[in-house]
PDB file of N, CA and C in Angstrom:
ATOM      1  N   MET A   1     -61.396  16.793  17.095  1.00  0.00           N
ATOM      2  CA  MET A   1     -61.666  15.458  17.562  1.00  0.00           C
ATOM      3  C   MET A   1     -62.487  14.718  16.511  1.00  0.00           C
ATOM      4  N   ARG A   2     -61.989  13.600  16.085  1.00  0.00           N
ATOM      5  CA  ARG A   2     -62.709  12.769  15.123  1.00  0.00           C
ATOM      6  C   ARG A   2     -63.414  11.648  15.858  1.00  0.00           C
ATOM      7  N   LYS A   3     -64.635  11.390  15.392  1.00  0.00           N
ATOM      8  CA  LYS A   3     -65.422  10.287  15.947  1.00  0.00           C
ATOM      9  C   LYS A   3     -65.468   9.165  14.925  1.00  0.00           C
ATOM     10  N   CYS A   4     -65.396   7.948  15.389  1.00  0.00           N
ATOM     11  CA  CYS A   4     -65.446   6.781  14.528  1.00  0.00           C
ATOM     12  C   CYS A   4     -66.824   6.674  13.883  1.00  0.00           C
ATOM     13  N   ILE A   5     -66.835   6.408  12.582  1.00  0.00           N
ATOM     14  CA  ILE A   5     -68.106   6.275  11.872  1.00  0.00           C
ATOM     15  C   ILE A   5     -68.784   4.945  12.175  1.00  0.00           C
ATOM     16  N   ARG A   6     -68.046   4.001  12.716  1.00  0.00           N
ATOM     17  CA  ARG A   6     -68.594   2.678  13.036  1.00  0.00           C
ATOM     18  C   ARG A   6     -69.191   2.617  14.442  1.00  0.00           C
ATOM     19  N   CYS A   7     -68.426   3.098  15.434  1.00  0.00           N
ATOM     20  CA  CYS A   7     -68.872   2.905  16.823  1.00  0.00           C
ATOM     21  C   CYS A   7     -68.963   4.203  17.617  1.00  0.00           C
ATOM     22  N   ASP A   8     -68.725   5.350  16.982  1.00  0.00           N
ATOM     23  CA  ASP A   8     -68.871   6.673  17.591  1.00  0.00           C
ATOM     24  C   ASP A   8     -67.892   6.941  18.736  1.00  0.00           C
ATOM     25  N   MET A   9     -66.775   6.232  18.771  1.00  0.00           N
ATOM     26  CA  MET A   9     -65.760   6.453  19.800  1.00  0.00           C
ATOM     27  C   MET A   9     -64.761   7.485  19.297  1.00  0.00           C
ATOM     28  N   GLU A  10     -64.120   8.209  20.215  1.00  0.00           N
ATOM     29  CA  GLU A  10     -63.110   9.185  19.845  1.00  0.00           C
ATOM     30  C   GLU A  10     -61.895   8.463  19.269  1.00  0.00           C
ATOM     31  N   MET A  11     -61.419   8.959  18.117  1.00  0.00           N
ATOM     32  CA  MET A  11     -60.311   8.320  17.416  1.00  0.00           C
ATOM     33  C   MET A  11     -58.974   8.920  17.840  1.00  0.00           C
ATOM     34  N   VAL A  12     -57.905   8.135  17.697  1.00  0.00           N
ATOM     35  CA  VAL A  12     -56.547   8.612  17.923  1.00  0.00           C
ATOM     36  C   VAL A  12     -56.105   9.248  16.615  1.00  0.00           C
ATOM     37  N   GLU A  13     -55.840  10.563  16.641  1.00  0.00           N
ATOM     38  CA  GLU A  13     -55.525  11.314  15.426  1.00  0.00           C
ATOM     39  C   GLU A  13     -54.027  11.512  15.232  1.00  0.00           C
ATOM     40  N   ASP A  14     -53.679  12.119  14.111  1.00  0.00           N
ATOM     41  CA  ASP A  14     -52.321  12.541  13.776  1.00  0.00           C
ATOM     42  C   ASP A  14     -51.359  11.364  13.666  1.00  0.00           C
ATOM     43  N   CYS A  15     -51.854  10.229  13.179  1.00  0.00           N
ATOM     44  CA  CYS A  15     -51.009   9.064  12.930  1.00  0.00           C
ATOM     45  C   CYS A  15     -50.531   9.119  11.482  1.00  0.00           C
ATOM     46  N   GLU A  16     -49.567   8.290  11.150  1.00  0.00           N
ATOM     47  CA  GLU A  16     -49.049   8.224   9.787  1.00  0.00           C
ATOM     48  C   GLU A  16     -49.355   6.871   9.185  1.00  0.00           C
ATOM     49  N   LEU A  17     -49.588   6.851   7.886  1.00  0.00           N
ATOM     50  CA  LEU A  17     -49.765   5.626   7.138  1.00  0.00           C
ATOM     51  C   LEU A  17     -48.484   5.391   6.349  1.00  0.00           C
ATOM     52  N   VAL A  18     -47.829   4.281   6.603  1.00  0.00           N
ATOM     53  CA  VAL A  18     -46.580   3.961   5.922  1.00  0.00           C
ATOM     54  C   VAL A  18     -46.854   2.795   4.988  1.00  0.00           C
ATOM     55  N   ILE A  19     -46.592   3.002   3.703  1.00  0.00           N
ATOM     56  CA  ILE A  19     -46.769   1.955   2.701  1.00  0.00           C
ATOM     57  C   ILE A  19     -45.386   1.558   2.217  1.00  0.00           C
ATOM     58  N   TRP A  20     -44.989   0.360   2.527  1.00  0.00           N
ATOM     59  CA  TRP A  20     -43.657  -0.124   2.168  1.00  0.00           C
ATOM     60  C   TRP A  20     -43.577  -0.412   0.671  1.00  0.00           C
ATOM     61  N   GLY A  21     -42.440  -0.044   0.082  1.00  0.00           N
ATOM     62  CA  GLY A  21     -42.196  -0.373  -1.312  1.00  0.00           C
ATOM     63  C   GLY A  21     -42.553   0.728  -2.289  1.00  0.00           C
ATOM     64  N   PHE A  22     -43.046   1.849  -1.811  1.00  0.00           N
ATOM     65  CA  PHE A  22     -43.388   2.965  -2.687  1.00  0.00           C
ATOM     66  C   PHE A  22     -42.555   4.172  -2.289  1.00  0.00           C
ATOM     67  N   GLY A  23     -41.915   4.824  -3.256  1.00  0.00           N
ATOM     68  CA  GLY A  23     -41.046   5.951  -2.960  1.00  0.00           C
ATOM     69  C   GLY A  23     -41.717   7.303  -3.094  1.00  0.00           C
ATOM     70  N   SER A  24     -42.924   7.346  -3.626  1.00  0.00           N
ATOM     71  CA  SER A  24     -43.599   8.629  -3.840  1.00  0.00           C
ATOM     72  C   SER A  24     -44.061   9.205  -2.514  1.00  0.00           C
ATOM     73  N   GLU A  25     -43.780  10.475  -2.316  1.00  0.00           N
ATOM     74  CA  GLU A  25     -44.230  11.153  -1.104  1.00  0.00           C
ATOM     75  C   GLU A  25     -45.130  12.319  -1.484  1.00  0.00           C
ATOM     76  N   TYR A  26     -46.184  12.025  -2.186  1.00  0.00           N
ATOM     77  CA  TYR A  26     -47.156  13.037  -2.543  1.00  0.00           C
ATOM     78  C   TYR A  26     -48.538  12.418  -2.514  1.00  0.00           C
ATOM     79  N   ILE A  27     -49.534  13.274  -2.502  1.00  0.00           N
ATOM     80  CA  ILE A  27     -50.909  12.788  -2.539  1.00  0.00           C
ATOM     81  C   ILE A  27     -51.524  13.213  -3.859  1.00  0.00           C
ATOM     82  N   GLN A  28     -52.279  12.347  -4.429  1.00  0.00           N
ATOM     83  CA  GLN A  28     -52.994  12.682  -5.665  1.00  0.00           C
ATOM     84  C   GLN A  28     -54.480  12.585  -5.363  1.00  0.00           C
ATOM     85  N   ILE A  29     -55.191  13.638  -5.685  1.00  0.00           N
ATOM     86  CA  ILE A  29     -56.622  13.692  -5.427  1.00  0.00           C
ATOM     87  C   ILE A  29     -57.325  13.859  -6.753  1.00  0.00           C
ATOM     88  N   LYS A  30     -58.228  12.949  -7.058  1.00  0.00           N
ATOM     89  CA  LYS A  30     -58.979  13.020  -8.311  1.00  0.00           C
ATOM     90  C   LYS A  30     -60.437  13.320  -8.009  1.00  0.00           C
ATOM     91  N   SER A  31     -60.991  14.214  -8.784  1.00  0.00           N
ATOM     92  CA  SER A  31     -62.396  14.568  -8.636  1.00  0.00           C
ATOM     93  C   SER A  31     -63.151  14.066  -9.848  1.00  0.00           C
ATOM     94  N   ASN A  32     -63.999  13.089  -9.664  1.00  0.00           N
ATOM     95  CA  ASN A  32     -64.796  12.575 -10.777  1.00  0.00           C
ATOM     96  C   ASN A  32     -65.842  13.588 -11.226  1.00  0.00           C
ATOM     97  N   LYS A  33     -66.256  14.436 -10.311  1.00  0.00           N
ATOM     98  CA  LYS A  33     -67.285  15.421 -10.616  1.00  0.00           C
ATOM     99  C   LYS A  33     -66.809  16.447 -11.645  1.00  0.00           C
ATOM    100  N   LYS A  34     -65.601  16.959 -11.457  1.00  0.00           N
ATOM    101  CA  LYS A  34     -65.095  18.002 -12.343  1.00  0.00           C
ATOM    102  C   LYS A  34     -64.096  17.478 -13.363  1.00  0.00           C
ATOM    103  N   LYS A  35     -63.836  16.175 -13.365  1.00  0.00           N
ATOM    104  CA  LYS A  35     -62.892  15.561 -14.295  1.00  0.00           C
ATOM    105  C   LYS A  35     -61.519  16.217 -14.234  1.00  0.00           C
ATOM    106  N   ARG A  36     -61.075  16.514 -12.997  1.00  0.00           N
ATOM    107  CA  ARG A  36     -59.762  17.110 -12.797  1.00  0.00           C
ATOM    108  C   ARG A  36     -58.907  16.175 -11.956  1.00  0.00           C
ATOM    109  N   ALA A  37     -57.616  16.329 -12.086  1.00  0.00           N
ATOM    110  CA  ALA A  37     -56.686  15.618 -11.209  1.00  0.00           C
ATOM    111  C   ALA A  37     -55.789  16.659 -10.545  1.00  0.00           C
ATOM    112  N   PHE A  38     -55.657  16.577  -9.277  1.00  0.00           N
ATOM    113  CA  PHE A  38     -54.803  17.482  -8.519  1.00  0.00           C
ATOM    114  C   PHE A  38     -53.661  16.649  -7.967  1.00  0.00           C
ATOM    115  N   SER A  39     -52.445  17.073  -8.166  1.00  0.00           N
ATOM    116  CA  SER A  39     -51.323  16.327  -7.608  1.00  0.00           C
ATOM    117  C   SER A  39     -50.239  17.302  -7.201  1.00  0.00           C
ATOM    118  N   GLY A  40     -49.265  16.790  -6.511  1.00  0.00           N
ATOM    119  CA  GLY A  40     -48.166  17.615  -6.046  1.00  0.00           C
ATOM    120  C   GLY A  40     -48.284  17.863  -4.567  1.00  0.00           C
ATOM    121  N   ASP A  41     -47.812  19.007  -4.144  1.00  0.00           N
ATOM    122  CA  ASP A  41     -47.731  19.333  -2.729  1.00  0.00           C
ATOM    123  C   ASP A  41     -49.032  19.971  -2.241  1.00  0.00           C
ATOM    124  N   LEU A  42     -50.126  19.266  -2.342  1.00  0.00           N
ATOM    125  CA  LEU A  42     -51.399  19.794  -1.844  1.00  0.00           C
ATOM    126  C   LEU A  42     -51.507  19.612  -0.341  1.00  0.00           C
ATOM    127  N   ALA A  43     -51.181  18.429   0.127  1.00  0.00           N
ATOM    128  CA  ALA A  43     -51.304  18.147   1.549  1.00  0.00           C
ATOM    129  C   ALA A  43     -50.660  16.812   1.863  1.00  0.00           C
ATOM    130  N   THR A  44     -50.369  16.615   3.117  1.00  0.00           N
ATOM    131  CA  THR A  44     -49.877  15.330   3.585  1.00  0.00           C
ATOM    132  C   THR A  44     -51.026  14.621   4.280  1.00  0.00           C
ATOM    133  N   PRO A  45     -51.377  13.438   3.830  1.00  0.00           N
ATOM    134  CA  PRO A  45     -52.483  12.735   4.469  1.00  0.00           C
ATOM    135  C   PRO A  45     -52.104  12.279   5.871  1.00  0.00           C
ATOM    136  N   LYS A  46     -53.071  12.328   6.748  1.00  0.00           N
ATOM    137  CA  LYS A  46     -52.918  11.841   8.116  1.00  0.00           C
ATOM    138  C   LYS A  46     -53.928  10.736   8.344  1.00  0.00           C
ATOM    139  N   VAL A  47     -53.737  10.009   9.409  1.00  0.00           N
ATOM    140  CA  VAL A  47     -54.584   8.869   9.700  1.00  0.00           C
ATOM    141  C   VAL A  47     -55.097   8.971  11.128  1.00  0.00           C
ATOM    142  N   ALA A  48     -56.359   8.618  11.305  1.00  0.00           N
ATOM    143  CA  ALA A  48     -56.952   8.481  12.633  1.00  0.00           C
ATOM    144  C   ALA A  48     -57.385   7.026  12.793  1.00  0.00           C
ATOM    145  N   VAL A  49     -57.173   6.474  13.983  1.00  0.00           N
ATOM    146  CA  VAL A  49     -57.482   5.071  14.236  1.00  0.00           C
ATOM    147  C   VAL A  49     -58.401   4.973  15.443  1.00  0.00           C
ATOM    148  N   CYS A  50     -59.435   4.160  15.321  1.00  0.00           N
ATOM    149  CA  CYS A  50     -60.351   3.935  16.435  1.00  0.00           C
ATOM    150  C   CYS A  50     -59.757   2.870  17.363  1.00  0.00           C
ATOM    151  N   PRO A  51     -59.564   3.201  18.643  1.00  0.00           N
ATOM    152  CA  PRO A  51     -58.995   2.216  19.565  1.00  0.00           C
ATOM    153  C   PRO A  51     -59.995   1.121  19.950  1.00  0.00           C
ATOM    154  N   ASN A  52     -61.269   1.319  19.625  1.00  0.00           N
ATOM    155  CA  ASN A  52     -62.295   0.341  19.982  1.00  0.00           C
ATOM    156  C   ASN A  52     -62.485  -0.730  18.911  1.00  0.00           C
ATOM    157  N   CYS A  53     -62.705  -0.300  17.657  1.00  0.00           N
ATOM    158  CA  CYS A  53     -63.027  -1.274  16.606  1.00  0.00           C
ATOM    159  C   CYS A  53     -61.953  -1.389  15.531  1.00  0.00           C
ATOM    160  N   GLY A  54     -60.959  -0.490  15.540  1.00  0.00           N
ATOM    161  CA  GLY A  54     -59.883  -0.567  14.562  1.00  0.00           C
ATOM    162  C   GLY A  54     -60.143   0.156  13.255  1.00  0.00           C
ATOM    163  N   GLU A  55     -61.260   0.850  13.129  1.00  0.00           N
ATOM    164  CA  GLU A  55     -61.556   1.624  11.920  1.00  0.00           C
ATOM    165  C   GLU A  55     -60.426   2.615  11.672  1.00  0.00           C
ATOM    166  N   VAL A  56     -60.015   2.754  10.398  1.00  0.00           N
ATOM    167  CA  VAL A  56     -58.963   3.681  10.012  1.00  0.00           C
ATOM    168  C   VAL A  56     -59.563   4.744   9.106  1.00  0.00           C
ATOM    169  N   SER A  57     -59.263   6.004   9.386  1.00  0.00           N
ATOM    170  CA  SER A  57     -59.764   7.129   8.599  1.00  0.00           C
ATOM    171  C   SER A  57     -58.573   7.934   8.103  1.00  0.00           C
ATOM    172  N   ILE A  58     -58.478   8.103   6.779  1.00  0.00           N
ATOM    173  CA  ILE A  58     -57.421   8.921   6.193  1.00  0.00           C
ATOM    174  C   ILE A  58     -58.009  10.295   5.906  1.00  0.00           C
ATOM    175  N   TYR A  59     -57.324  11.343   6.349  1.00  0.00           N
ATOM    176  CA  TYR A  59     -57.851  12.692   6.189  1.00  0.00           C
ATOM    177  C   TYR A  59     -56.735  13.678   5.876  1.00  0.00           C
ATOM    178  N   ILE A  60     -57.133  14.843   5.392  1.00  0.00           N
ATOM    179  CA  ILE A  60     -56.222  15.953   5.144  1.00  0.00           C
ATOM    180  C   ILE A  60     -56.580  17.036   6.139  1.00  0.00           C
ATOM    181  N   GLU A  61     -55.602  17.441   6.937  1.00  0.00           N
ATOM    182  CA  GLU A  61     -55.861  18.399   7.995  1.00  0.00           C
ATOM    183  C   GLU A  61     -56.111  19.813   7.459  1.00  0.00           C
ATOM    184  N   ASN A  62     -55.259  20.283   6.551  1.00  0.00           N
ATOM    185  CA  ASN A  62     -55.389  21.635   6.010  1.00  0.00           C
ATOM    186  C   ASN A  62     -55.868  21.532   4.573  1.00  0.00           C
ATOM    187  N   THR A  63     -57.106  21.896   4.337  1.00  0.00           N
ATOM    188  CA  THR A  63     -57.697  21.759   3.000  1.00  0.00           C
ATOM    189  C   THR A  63     -57.691  23.064   2.196  1.00  0.00           C
ATOM    190  N   SER A  64     -56.988  24.073   2.666  1.00  0.00           N
ATOM    191  CA  SER A  64     -57.026  25.377   1.979  1.00  0.00           C
ATOM    192  C   SER A  64     -56.501  25.304   0.546  1.00  0.00           C
ATOM    193  N   LYS A  65     -55.387  24.586   0.304  1.00  0.00           N
ATOM    194  CA  LYS A  65     -54.859  24.477  -1.063  1.00  0.00           C
ATOM    195  C   LYS A  65     -55.815  23.730  -1.967  1.00  0.00           C
ATOM    196  N   LEU A  66     -56.442  22.714  -1.451  1.00  0.00           N
ATOM    197  CA  LEU A  66     -57.408  21.932  -2.230  1.00  0.00           C
ATOM    198  C   LEU A  66     -58.623  22.788  -2.585  1.00  0.00           C
ATOM    199  N   LYS A  67     -59.107  23.576  -1.631  1.00  0.00           N
ATOM    200  CA  LYS A  67     -60.255  24.448  -1.885  1.00  0.00           C
ATOM    201  C   LYS A  67     -59.943  25.474  -2.978  1.00  0.00           C
ATOM    202  N   GLU A  68     -58.698  25.993  -2.981  1.00  0.00           N
ATOM    203  CA  GLU A  68     -58.294  26.955  -4.001  1.00  0.00           C
ATOM    204  C   GLU A  68     -58.302  26.322  -5.383  1.00  0.00           C
ATOM    205  N   GLN A  69     -57.840  25.070  -5.487  1.00  0.00           N
ATOM    206  CA  GLN A  69     -57.774  24.372  -6.760  1.00  0.00           C
ATOM    207  C   GLN A  69     -59.150  24.039  -7.301  1.00  0.00           C
ATOM    208  N   CYS A  70     -60.125  23.862  -6.424  1.00  0.00           N
ATOM    209  CA  CYS A  70     -61.473  23.430  -6.828  1.00  0.00           C
ATOM    210  C   CYS A  70     -62.362  24.591  -7.254  1.00  0.00           C
ATOM    211  N   LYS A  71     -61.913  25.793  -7.103  1.00  0.00           N
ATOM    212  CA  LYS A  71     -62.770  26.943  -7.475  1.00  0.00           C
ATOM    213  C   LYS A  71     -62.951  27.053  -8.953  1.00  0.00           C
TER     214      LYS A  71
END
């Protein structure tokens, strides 16, 4: 269960973010700390939306591949 950072209400999870006009179906994660770029099939981003204030939160549900890359 995700809570909204703005109003502390329970968010609606497991939504999708659709960006029209872009054909890429991958996520790229850049770490400024380690000066690395991770791309490819790391994870599919999901979206949670607050039904009260409209805050949108983009998150990765399974971070195991990302954790392996950061070691």
